[in-house]
Amino acid sequence: MNIQQEIAKQVELLPPPMQEQVLRFVESLTHSAPVGVKGMDMLSLAGTLDPISSREMREAIEDGCERIDYSEW
């Protein structure tokens, strides 16, 4: 039995008001699913960053992200 079948089997055992609660919960999960680009779709970008841009990006990350601002908190 796969997961969908097991879920359906368990939900059938619930009274209708609880089934509605399960439905609302599942709907909330589908609306909160992360949206973005799949990794496989980004493979076409591999190797397209030139060495100068790569160095500049690395330096900006190291300069801006590698420090702790103790007065920030």
Protein backbone atom coordinates (compact mmCIF):
# COMPACT_ATOMS: atom_id res chain seq x y z
CA MET A 1 0.00 0.00 0.00
CA ASN A 2 1.47 3.38 -0.97
CA ILE A 3 1.30 6.56 1.11
CA GLN A 4 -1.70 8.02 -0.71
CA GLN A 5 -3.69 4.82 -0.20
CA GLU A 6 -2.73 4.67 3.48
CA ILE A 7 -3.78 8.30 4.00
CA ALA A 8 -7.11 7.67 2.24
CA LYS A 9 -7.68 4.57 4.37
CA GLN A 10 -7.04 6.46 7.60
CA VAL A 11 -9.18 9.45 6.57
CA GLU A 12 -12.12 7.16 5.76
CA LEU A 13 -12.13 6.09 9.41
CA LEU A 14 -12.66 9.66 10.61
CA PRO A 15 -16.04 11.33 11.07
CA PRO A 16 -16.93 13.93 8.39
CA PRO A 17 -15.99 16.99 10.49
CA MET A 18 -12.49 15.58 11.05
CA GLN A 19 -12.22 14.67 7.36
CA GLU A 20 -12.91 18.33 6.58
CA GLN A 21 -10.20 19.31 9.05
CA VAL A 22 -7.74 16.97 7.30
CA LEU A 23 -8.73 18.47 3.95
CA ARG A 24 -8.10 22.02 5.22
CA PHE A 25 -4.73 20.93 6.60
CA VAL A 26 -3.67 19.30 3.31
CA GLU A 27 -4.79 22.39 1.38
CA SER A 28 -2.70 24.58 3.67
CA LEU A 29 0.33 22.39 2.96
CA THR A 30 -0.09 22.66 -0.80
CA HIS A 31 -0.36 26.45 -0.58
CA SER A 32 2.80 26.72 1.49
CA ALA A 33 4.94 24.48 -0.70
CA PRO A 34 8.19 26.19 -1.70
CA VAL A 35 8.28 27.69 -5.17
CA GLY A 36 11.47 27.95 -7.13
CA VAL A 37 13.61 26.56 -9.89
CA LYS A 38 14.57 22.90 -9.88
CA GLY A 39 18.27 22.18 -9.73
CA MET A 40 18.18 20.25 -13.00
CA ASP A 41 16.74 23.33 -14.72
CA MET A 42 19.72 25.37 -13.56
CA LEU A 43 22.37 23.05 -15.00
CA SER A 44 22.32 25.03 -18.23
CA LEU A 45 23.86 27.92 -16.28
CA ALA A 46 26.85 25.89 -15.09
CA GLY A 47 30.11 27.40 -16.26
CA THR A 48 28.56 30.61 -17.60
CA LEU A 49 30.07 32.92 -14.96
CA ASP A 50 33.31 34.45 -16.18
CA PRO A 51 36.37 34.45 -13.86
CA ILE A 52 36.23 38.20 -13.15
CA SER A 53 32.54 38.14 -12.18
CA SER A 54 33.16 35.02 -10.12
CA ARG A 55 35.98 36.72 -8.20
CA GLU A 56 33.91 39.87 -7.64
CA MET A 57 30.97 37.84 -6.37
CA ARG A 58 33.17 35.79 -4.04
CA GLU A 59 34.80 38.96 -2.65
CA ALA A 60 31.41 40.63 -2.10
CA ILE A 61 30.12 37.58 -0.22
CA GLU A 62 33.26 37.31 1.90
CA ASP A 63 33.25 41.05 2.61
CA GLY A 64 29.57 41.32 3.43
CA CYS A 65 28.82 37.96 5.01
CA GLU A 66 31.93 37.01 6.91
CA ARG A 67 31.63 39.69 9.59
CA ILE A 68 29.71 39.88 12.84
CA ASP A 69 28.17 43.20 13.83
CA TYR A 70 27.96 42.90 17.62
CA SER A 71 25.91 46.11 17.93
CA GLU A 72 23.29 44.82 15.51
CA TRP A 73 21.42 42.85 18.16
